[in-house]
Every structure is written in C-alpha cells, then in structure tokens.
Amino acid sequence: MDLNNIAYCGLFCGGCPNHTGVIADLSRDLRKELRTYRFDKTAEELSKMSFFKEFKKYSDCYEVLGAMVKMRCKNGCRKGGGNPFCKIRKCAQKKELTGCWECGDFLSCDKLKSLEPNHGKAHIKNLKTLKKVGPKNFTGKNAFWYAV
C-alpha cells in the first residue's frame, strides 16, 4: 500500500469520492447535458405545474452541482489535499507520527471525533486495522469510508 493513499486519520484516500473524482465528473457531465438541452427553460415551464413544483429550485440544484465539481481533491492528505486547516494532520505531523494509529490516544481523541458526522466510525475502524496490520498491509479492501 502506498502510504500516500492513507490519511493521518486513517481514512483511505483511494476510497474518497473527492479524490477519485467520481462525483465531480458526474456533476460536471450532468451540468453539460443540462446546458445542451437548455433544461433551465424546461424546468421553468415544469415549475408552473403543481406536480412539478420542485423545479422552481432548479437553479439551486444547478449551483450545487457546480459546487460538487469543485470538490475534486487531486492530492491526498499527505500531499496537501483535503482541508488545509486539518487539526488532525497538524497534530500527527507535530508528533512526528506516520498516522494516528501510532498514537495511544486515538480512541479518545477529540480531533478525530470531528470526522464522525461525515464518516461515522470509519476512521476509528481503519485506525484499529492500521494499528494491527500496519500501513503496508492496509488496502482499499479492508478500508471503510463510512461505518456505524
């Protein structure tokens, strides 16, 4: 396993939709198709019908898709990708750790708890695996992106 695919927090960058670009690409392609078909005009007309009232929010949807295009993260955590203000990365670097799995406090770390809204306990499960098998034996097959 390339260590650059493992974030300090234990998340697997290779499984991140922002790193793989899958969501950014799909969002970009959908926006292109919507423009091709001038779907803004269709949405405007559909929004006048009671059973298609949701199309009144079409421009918001299009704007969100644009934001999703910008979520692409070409570099993993170790190469400066992700949140530039990540307290977890800064802490691990300050302690000169390869990753949080080397820290005896990762199970009770408040910094790691900040990941729970987006990842559940995936990072903790990954850190336990990393601690047990080491980063060389950690693969995308045994990595979690979201877990309860």
N, C-alpha and C. Protein backbone atom coordinates (compact mmCIF):
# COMPACT_ATOMS: atom_id res chain seq x y z
N MET A 1 0.85 -1.18 0.00
CA MET A 1 0.00 0.00 0.00
C MET A 1 0.89 1.24 0.00
N ASP A 2 0.54 2.15 -0.86
CA ASP A 2 1.22 3.44 -0.90
C ASP A 2 0.72 4.28 0.27
N LEU A 3 1.61 4.65 1.14
CA LEU A 3 1.25 5.42 2.33
C LEU A 3 0.53 6.71 1.96
N ASN A 4 0.79 7.26 0.78
CA ASN A 4 0.13 8.50 0.36
C ASN A 4 -1.38 8.33 0.18
N ASN A 5 -1.85 7.09 0.10
CA ASN A 5 -3.28 6.84 -0.02
C ASN A 5 -3.97 6.70 1.33
N ILE A 6 -3.21 6.82 2.40
CA ILE A 6 -3.77 6.72 3.75
C ILE A 6 -3.59 8.06 4.46
N ALA A 7 -4.70 8.67 4.83
CA ALA A 7 -4.63 9.93 5.56
C ALA A 7 -4.16 9.66 6.99
N TYR A 8 -3.65 10.67 7.65
CA TYR A 8 -3.19 10.53 9.03
C TYR A 8 -4.29 9.98 9.93
N CYS A 9 -5.53 10.36 9.65
CA CYS A 9 -6.67 9.96 10.47
C CYS A 9 -7.12 8.54 10.20
N GLY A 10 -6.54 7.89 9.19
CA GLY A 10 -6.90 6.52 8.88
C GLY A 10 -7.85 6.38 7.70
N LEU A 11 -8.39 7.48 7.21
CA LEU A 11 -9.25 7.37 6.04
C LEU A 11 -8.41 7.02 4.82
N PHE A 12 -9.00 6.24 3.94
CA PHE A 12 -8.32 5.76 2.73
C PHE A 12 -8.63 6.71 1.59
N CYS A 13 -7.65 7.49 1.16
CA CYS A 13 -7.85 8.48 0.10
C CYS A 13 -8.32 7.82 -1.19
N GLY A 14 -7.88 6.62 -1.45
CA GLY A 14 -8.29 5.91 -2.66
C GLY A 14 -9.78 5.61 -2.69
N GLY A 15 -10.44 5.66 -1.55
CA GLY A 15 -11.88 5.42 -1.48
C GLY A 15 -12.68 6.70 -1.38
N CYS A 16 -12.02 7.83 -1.41
CA CYS A 16 -12.68 9.12 -1.26
C CYS A 16 -13.25 9.57 -2.60
N PRO A 17 -14.54 9.86 -2.67
CA PRO A 17 -15.12 10.30 -3.94
C PRO A 17 -14.55 11.63 -4.43
N ASN A 18 -14.02 12.43 -3.53
CA ASN A 18 -13.39 13.69 -3.94
C ASN A 18 -12.03 13.42 -4.60
N HIS A 19 -11.32 12.43 -4.07
CA HIS A 19 -10.00 12.08 -4.62
C HIS A 19 -10.14 11.32 -5.94
N THR A 20 -11.08 10.40 -6.01
CA THR A 20 -11.28 9.65 -7.25
C THR A 20 -11.91 10.53 -8.32
N GLY A 21 -12.62 11.56 -7.90
CA GLY A 21 -13.24 12.50 -8.82
C GLY A 21 -14.57 12.03 -9.38
N VAL A 22 -15.08 10.91 -8.90
CA VAL A 22 -16.30 10.35 -9.47
C VAL A 22 -17.49 11.31 -9.36
N ILE A 23 -17.67 11.94 -8.22
CA ILE A 23 -18.79 12.87 -8.04
C ILE A 23 -18.56 14.14 -8.85
N ALA A 24 -17.34 14.64 -8.84
CA ALA A 24 -17.02 15.84 -9.63
C ALA A 24 -17.27 15.60 -11.11
N ASP A 25 -16.84 14.45 -11.60
CA ASP A 25 -17.04 14.14 -13.02
C ASP A 25 -18.51 14.00 -13.38
N LEU A 26 -19.25 13.27 -12.55
CA LEU A 26 -20.68 13.10 -12.82
C LEU A 26 -21.42 14.44 -12.76
N SER A 27 -21.06 15.27 -11.80
CA SER A 27 -21.69 16.59 -11.68
C SER A 27 -21.37 17.46 -12.89
N ARG A 28 -20.12 17.45 -13.30
CA ARG A 28 -19.70 18.21 -14.49
C ARG A 28 -20.47 17.74 -15.73
N ASP A 29 -20.55 16.41 -15.89
CA ASP A 29 -21.22 15.85 -17.06
C ASP A 29 -22.72 16.15 -17.05
N LEU A 30 -23.34 16.08 -15.88
CA LEU A 30 -24.77 16.39 -15.80
C LEU A 30 -25.02 17.85 -16.13
N ARG A 31 -24.19 18.74 -15.60
CA ARG A 31 -24.34 20.17 -15.92
C ARG A 31 -24.22 20.40 -17.43
N LYS A 32 -23.27 19.71 -18.06
CA LYS A 32 -23.08 19.84 -19.50
C LYS A 32 -24.34 19.39 -20.25
N GLU A 33 -24.90 18.25 -19.86
CA GLU A 33 -26.11 17.75 -20.51
C GLU A 33 -27.29 18.70 -20.29
N LEU A 34 -27.39 19.22 -19.10
CA LEU A 34 -28.48 20.15 -18.81
C LEU A 34 -28.37 21.41 -19.68
N ARG A 35 -27.15 21.89 -19.86
CA ARG A 35 -26.95 23.05 -20.74
C ARG A 35 -27.26 22.70 -22.19
N THR A 36 -26.82 21.52 -22.63
CA THR A 36 -27.05 21.08 -24.01
C THR A 36 -28.54 21.10 -24.34
N TYR A 37 -29.34 20.64 -23.40
CA TYR A 37 -30.78 20.56 -23.63
C TYR A 37 -31.53 21.80 -23.16
N ARG A 38 -30.77 22.81 -22.75
CA ARG A 38 -31.40 24.05 -22.25
C ARG A 38 -32.46 23.73 -21.22
N PHE A 39 -32.07 22.83 -20.30
CA PHE A 39 -33.04 22.33 -19.34
C PHE A 39 -33.53 23.42 -18.39
N ASP A 40 -32.82 24.51 -18.29
CA ASP A 40 -33.31 25.61 -17.46
C ASP A 40 -34.66 26.09 -17.96
N LYS A 41 -34.83 26.13 -19.28
CA LYS A 41 -36.11 26.55 -19.87
C LYS A 41 -37.20 25.51 -19.59
N THR A 42 -36.84 24.23 -19.70
CA THR A 42 -37.79 23.16 -19.40
C THR A 42 -38.22 23.22 -17.95
N ALA A 43 -37.24 23.39 -17.07
CA ALA A 43 -37.52 23.46 -15.63
C ALA A 43 -38.44 24.62 -15.31
N GLU A 44 -38.23 25.74 -15.99
CA GLU A 44 -39.07 26.92 -15.76
C GLU A 44 -40.53 26.61 -16.10
N GLU A 45 -40.74 25.93 -17.20
CA GLU A 45 -42.12 25.58 -17.60
C GLU A 45 -42.70 24.51 -16.69
N LEU A 46 -41.89 23.51 -16.36
CA LEU A 46 -42.38 22.44 -15.48
C LEU A 46 -42.77 22.98 -14.10
N SER A 47 -42.04 23.97 -13.63
CA SER A 47 -42.30 24.52 -12.29
C SER A 47 -43.68 25.15 -12.17
N LYS A 48 -44.30 25.45 -13.30
CA LYS A 48 -45.64 26.05 -13.30
C LYS A 48 -46.72 25.01 -13.03
N MET A 49 -46.35 23.74 -13.12
CA MET A 49 -47.31 22.66 -12.89
C MET A 49 -47.23 22.21 -11.44
N SER A 50 -48.36 22.04 -10.81
CA SER A 50 -48.38 21.72 -9.38
C SER A 50 -47.61 20.43 -9.05
N PHE A 51 -47.63 19.46 -9.92
CA PHE A 51 -46.94 18.20 -9.62
C PHE A 51 -45.45 18.25 -9.94
N PHE A 52 -44.96 19.36 -10.46
CA PHE A 52 -43.53 19.56 -10.69
C PHE A 52 -43.02 20.83 -10.02
N LYS A 53 -43.63 21.21 -8.93
CA LYS A 53 -43.27 22.46 -8.25
C LYS A 53 -41.81 22.48 -7.80
N GLU A 54 -41.20 21.31 -7.63
CA GLU A 54 -39.80 21.24 -7.19
C GLU A 54 -38.85 21.91 -8.19
N PHE A 55 -39.29 21.99 -9.45
CA PHE A 55 -38.43 22.59 -10.46
C PHE A 55 -38.25 24.09 -10.27
N LYS A 56 -38.98 24.67 -9.34
CA LYS A 56 -38.75 26.08 -9.00
C LYS A 56 -37.36 26.25 -8.40
N LYS A 57 -36.80 25.16 -7.89
CA LYS A 57 -35.48 25.18 -7.25
C LYS A 57 -34.38 24.71 -8.21
N TYR A 58 -34.68 24.63 -9.48
CA TYR A 58 -33.72 24.13 -10.47
C TYR A 58 -32.39 24.87 -10.41
N SER A 59 -32.43 26.18 -10.33
CA SER A 59 -31.17 26.95 -10.33
C SER A 59 -30.32 26.62 -9.10
N ASP A 60 -30.98 26.35 -7.98
CA ASP A 60 -30.23 25.94 -6.78
C ASP A 60 -29.54 24.60 -7.02
N CYS A 61 -30.26 23.69 -7.64
CA CYS A 61 -29.71 22.37 -7.95
C CYS A 61 -28.49 22.51 -8.86
N TYR A 62 -28.61 23.32 -9.89
CA TYR A 62 -27.53 23.53 -10.84
C TYR A 62 -26.31 24.13 -10.13
N GLU A 63 -26.57 25.04 -9.21
CA GLU A 63 -25.49 25.68 -8.45
C GLU A 63 -24.79 24.65 -7.54
N VAL A 64 -25.55 23.79 -6.91
CA VAL A 64 -24.97 22.74 -6.06
C VAL A 64 -24.11 21.80 -6.91
N LEU A 65 -24.58 21.44 -8.07
CA LEU A 65 -23.77 20.59 -8.96
C LEU A 65 -22.44 21.28 -9.27
N GLY A 66 -22.46 22.59 -9.48
CA GLY A 66 -21.23 23.34 -9.73
C GLY A 66 -20.28 23.27 -8.54
N ALA A 67 -20.83 23.34 -7.35
CA ALA A 67 -20.00 23.23 -6.14
C ALA A 67 -19.40 21.82 -6.04
N MET A 68 -20.17 20.82 -6.45
CA MET A 68 -19.66 19.45 -6.40
C MET A 68 -18.51 19.24 -7.38
N VAL A 69 -18.54 19.94 -8.49
CA VAL A 69 -17.44 19.87 -9.46
C VAL A 69 -16.15 20.36 -8.79
N LYS A 70 -16.26 21.38 -7.95
CA LYS A 70 -15.10 21.97 -7.29
C LYS A 70 -14.55 21.13 -6.14
N MET A 71 -15.26 20.07 -5.76
CA MET A 71 -14.83 19.27 -4.61
C MET A 71 -13.69 18.30 -4.94
N ARG A 72 -13.26 18.28 -6.17
CA ARG A 72 -12.18 17.37 -6.57
C ARG A 72 -10.93 17.62 -5.72
N CYS A 73 -10.32 16.56 -5.28
CA CYS A 73 -9.10 16.65 -4.47
C CYS A 73 -8.06 15.75 -5.13
N LYS A 74 -7.20 16.34 -5.93
CA LYS A 74 -6.22 15.54 -6.68
C LYS A 74 -5.12 14.99 -5.78
N ASN A 75 -4.83 15.68 -4.72
CA ASN A 75 -3.76 15.24 -3.81
C ASN A 75 -4.38 14.67 -2.54
N GLY A 76 -3.84 13.59 -2.08
CA GLY A 76 -4.29 13.04 -0.81
C GLY A 76 -3.81 13.89 0.34
N CYS A 77 -4.21 13.52 1.51
CA CYS A 77 -3.90 14.26 2.74
C CYS A 77 -2.39 14.52 2.89
N ARG A 78 -1.60 13.53 2.63
CA ARG A 78 -0.15 13.65 2.85
C ARG A 78 0.54 14.55 1.83
N LYS A 79 -0.16 14.83 0.74
CA LYS A 79 0.40 15.71 -0.29
C LYS A 79 -0.30 17.06 -0.30
N GLY A 80 -0.95 17.39 0.82
CA GLY A 80 -1.57 18.70 0.96
C GLY A 80 -3.01 18.79 0.53
N GLY A 81 -3.63 17.66 0.15
CA GLY A 81 -5.04 17.67 -0.24
C GLY A 81 -5.94 17.71 0.99
N GLY A 82 -7.21 17.83 0.74
CA GLY A 82 -8.17 17.89 1.84
C GLY A 82 -8.16 19.25 2.51
N ASN A 83 -8.66 19.27 3.71
CA ASN A 83 -8.78 20.50 4.48
C ASN A 83 -7.39 21.06 4.81
N PRO A 84 -7.05 22.25 4.32
CA PRO A 84 -5.73 22.82 4.60
C PRO A 84 -5.53 23.18 6.07
N PHE A 85 -6.62 23.24 6.83
CA PHE A 85 -6.53 23.60 8.25
C PHE A 85 -6.74 22.39 9.16
N CYS A 86 -6.59 21.18 8.61
CA CYS A 86 -6.88 19.95 9.35
C CYS A 86 -6.03 19.85 10.63
N LYS A 87 -6.71 19.87 11.76
CA LYS A 87 -6.03 19.78 13.06
C LYS A 87 -5.45 18.39 13.28
N ILE A 88 -6.07 17.39 12.69
CA ILE A 88 -5.59 16.01 12.84
C ILE A 88 -4.23 15.87 12.15
N ARG A 89 -4.13 16.33 10.93
CA ARG A 89 -2.88 16.26 10.18
C ARG A 89 -1.79 17.04 10.91
N LYS A 90 -2.12 18.25 11.36
CA LYS A 90 -1.13 19.09 12.05
C LYS A 90 -0.64 18.42 13.33
N CYS A 91 -1.55 17.79 14.06
CA CYS A 91 -1.19 17.12 15.30
C CYS A 91 -0.25 15.94 15.03
N ALA A 92 -0.60 15.11 14.05
CA ALA A 92 0.24 13.96 13.72
C ALA A 92 1.62 14.40 13.24
N GLN A 93 1.66 15.44 12.43
CA GLN A 93 2.95 15.94 11.95
C GLN A 93 3.78 16.51 13.10
N LYS A 94 3.12 17.23 14.01
CA LYS A 94 3.84 17.80 15.16
C LYS A 94 4.43 16.69 16.03
N LYS A 95 3.67 15.59 16.19
CA LYS A 95 4.14 14.46 16.99
C LYS A 95 5.07 13.53 16.21
N GLU A 96 5.29 13.86 14.93
CA GLU A 96 6.13 13.07 14.03
C GLU A 96 5.64 11.63 13.92
N LEU A 97 4.30 11.49 13.77
CA LEU A 97 3.68 10.18 13.62
C LEU A 97 3.43 9.90 12.14
N THR A 98 3.53 8.65 11.76
CA THR A 98 3.15 8.25 10.41
C THR A 98 1.64 8.40 10.26
N GLY A 99 0.94 8.16 11.34
CA GLY A 99 -0.52 8.31 11.36
C GLY A 99 -1.03 8.17 12.78
N CYS A 100 -2.30 8.49 12.97
CA CYS A 100 -2.89 8.46 14.31
C CYS A 100 -2.88 7.08 14.94
N TRP A 101 -2.77 6.03 14.13
CA TRP A 101 -2.72 4.67 14.68
C TRP A 101 -1.49 4.47 15.55
N GLU A 102 -0.49 5.34 15.43
CA GLU A 102 0.71 5.25 16.28
C GLU A 102 0.54 5.99 17.60
N CYS A 103 -0.57 6.70 17.75
CA CYS A 103 -0.83 7.46 18.96
C CYS A 103 -1.68 6.62 19.91
N GLY A 104 -1.28 6.60 21.15
CA GLY A 104 -2.01 5.82 22.15
C GLY A 104 -3.36 6.41 22.54
N ASP A 105 -3.64 7.63 22.10
CA ASP A 105 -4.88 8.31 22.48
C ASP A 105 -5.92 8.38 21.36
N PHE A 106 -5.73 7.66 20.27
CA PHE A 106 -6.64 7.86 19.14
C PHE A 106 -8.08 7.47 19.43
N LEU A 107 -8.30 6.54 20.35
CA LEU A 107 -9.69 6.14 20.67
C LEU A 107 -10.46 7.23 21.41
N SER A 108 -9.75 8.11 22.08
CA SER A 108 -10.43 9.17 22.85
C SER A 108 -10.11 10.58 22.33
N CYS A 109 -9.54 10.66 21.16
CA CYS A 109 -9.10 11.95 20.60
C CYS A 109 -10.27 12.80 20.14
N ASP A 110 -10.35 14.02 20.68
CA ASP A 110 -11.41 14.96 20.28
C ASP A 110 -11.26 15.40 18.83
N LYS A 111 -10.03 15.52 18.36
CA LYS A 111 -9.82 15.93 16.97
C LYS A 111 -10.43 14.91 16.01
N LEU A 112 -10.27 13.64 16.30
CA LEU A 112 -10.82 12.59 15.44
C LEU A 112 -12.35 12.55 15.49
N LYS A 113 -12.93 12.98 16.59
CA LYS A 113 -14.39 12.99 16.70
C LYS A 113 -15.02 13.93 15.69
N SER A 114 -14.25 14.90 15.22
CA SER A 114 -14.79 15.85 14.23
C SER A 114 -15.13 15.17 12.90
N LEU A 115 -14.62 13.98 12.68
CA LEU A 115 -14.89 13.25 11.43
C LEU A 115 -16.20 12.47 11.47
N GLU A 116 -16.75 12.26 12.66
CA GLU A 116 -17.92 11.40 12.80
C GLU A 116 -19.15 11.83 12.00
N PRO A 117 -19.46 13.12 11.88
CA PRO A 117 -20.64 13.48 11.08
C PRO A 117 -20.56 13.01 9.62
N ASN A 118 -19.37 13.00 9.05
CA ASN A 118 -19.21 12.60 7.64
C ASN A 118 -18.80 11.16 7.44
N HIS A 119 -18.22 10.55 8.47
CA HIS A 119 -17.65 9.21 8.29
C HIS A 119 -18.09 8.19 9.33
N GLY A 120 -18.92 8.59 10.26
CA GLY A 120 -19.31 7.65 11.31
C GLY A 120 -18.08 7.23 12.08
N LYS A 121 -17.89 5.95 12.22
CA LYS A 121 -16.71 5.42 12.93
C LYS A 121 -15.69 4.81 11.97
N ALA A 122 -15.80 5.13 10.68
CA ALA A 122 -14.90 4.53 9.68
C ALA A 122 -13.43 4.76 10.02
N HIS A 123 -13.09 5.99 10.37
CA HIS A 123 -11.70 6.30 10.66
C HIS A 123 -11.19 5.51 11.86
N ILE A 124 -12.04 5.32 12.87
CA ILE A 124 -11.62 4.55 14.06
C ILE A 124 -11.42 3.09 13.68
N LYS A 125 -12.34 2.53 12.90
CA LYS A 125 -12.19 1.15 12.44
C LYS A 125 -10.91 1.00 11.62
N ASN A 126 -10.66 1.96 10.75
CA ASN A 126 -9.44 1.93 9.93
C ASN A 126 -8.19 2.04 10.80
N LEU A 127 -8.23 2.93 11.79
CA LEU A 127 -7.07 3.11 12.67
C LEU A 127 -6.77 1.83 13.46
N LYS A 128 -7.82 1.16 13.90
CA LYS A 128 -7.63 -0.12 14.61
C LYS A 128 -6.97 -1.15 13.69
N THR A 129 -7.42 -1.20 12.44
CA THR A 129 -6.83 -2.12 11.47
C THR A 129 -5.38 -1.74 11.18
N LEU A 130 -5.13 -0.46 10.99
CA LEU A 130 -3.77 0.01 10.74
C LEU A 130 -2.84 -0.32 11.90
N LYS A 131 -3.34 -0.15 13.10
CA LYS A 131 -2.53 -0.47 14.28
C LYS A 131 -2.20 -1.96 14.31
N LYS A 132 -3.16 -2.77 13.91
CA LYS A 132 -3.00 -4.23 13.95
C LYS A 132 -2.12 -4.76 12.80
N VAL A 133 -2.40 -4.33 11.56
CA VAL A 133 -1.70 -4.92 10.41
C VAL A 133 -0.62 -4.03 9.81
N GLY A 134 -0.62 -2.74 10.17
CA GLY A 134 0.36 -1.81 9.62
C GLY A 134 -0.07 -1.28 8.27
N PRO A 135 0.48 -0.13 7.89
CA PRO A 135 0.06 0.51 6.64
C PRO A 135 0.40 -0.30 5.38
N LYS A 136 1.45 -1.10 5.41
CA LYS A 136 1.82 -1.89 4.23
C LYS A 136 0.79 -2.96 3.91
N ASN A 137 0.05 -3.42 4.91
CA ASN A 137 -0.95 -4.46 4.71
C ASN A 137 -2.37 -3.91 4.70
N PHE A 138 -2.49 -2.60 4.73
CA PHE A 138 -3.79 -1.95 4.71
C PHE A 138 -4.15 -1.67 3.26
N THR A 139 -5.31 -2.12 2.85
CA THR A 139 -5.71 -1.93 1.46
C THR A 139 -7.11 -1.33 1.39
N GLY A 140 -7.48 -0.94 0.20
CA GLY A 140 -8.83 -0.43 -0.02
C GLY A 140 -9.89 -1.47 0.28
N LYS A 141 -9.51 -2.73 0.23
CA LYS A 141 -10.46 -3.82 0.50
C LYS A 141 -10.86 -3.87 1.98
N ASN A 142 -9.96 -3.47 2.86
CA ASN A 142 -10.29 -3.52 4.28
C ASN A 142 -10.45 -2.13 4.88
N ALA A 143 -10.62 -1.12 4.01
CA ALA A 143 -10.80 0.25 4.48
C ALA A 143 -12.26 0.66 4.41
N PHE A 144 -12.66 1.47 5.37
CA PHE A 144 -14.02 1.99 5.42
C PHE A 144 -14.01 3.46 5.05
N TRP A 145 -15.07 3.92 4.40
CA TRP A 145 -15.26 5.35 4.14
C TRP A 145 -16.33 5.90 5.07
N TYR A 146 -17.36 5.09 5.30
CA TYR A 146 -18.39 5.43 6.30
C TYR A 146 -18.78 4.13 6.98
N ALA A 147 -18.84 4.15 8.29
CA ALA A 147 -19.22 2.96 9.04
C ALA A 147 -19.88 3.39 10.34
N VAL A 148 -20.82 2.59 10.79
CA VAL A 148 -21.50 2.87 12.07
C VAL A 148 -20.82 2.12 13.18
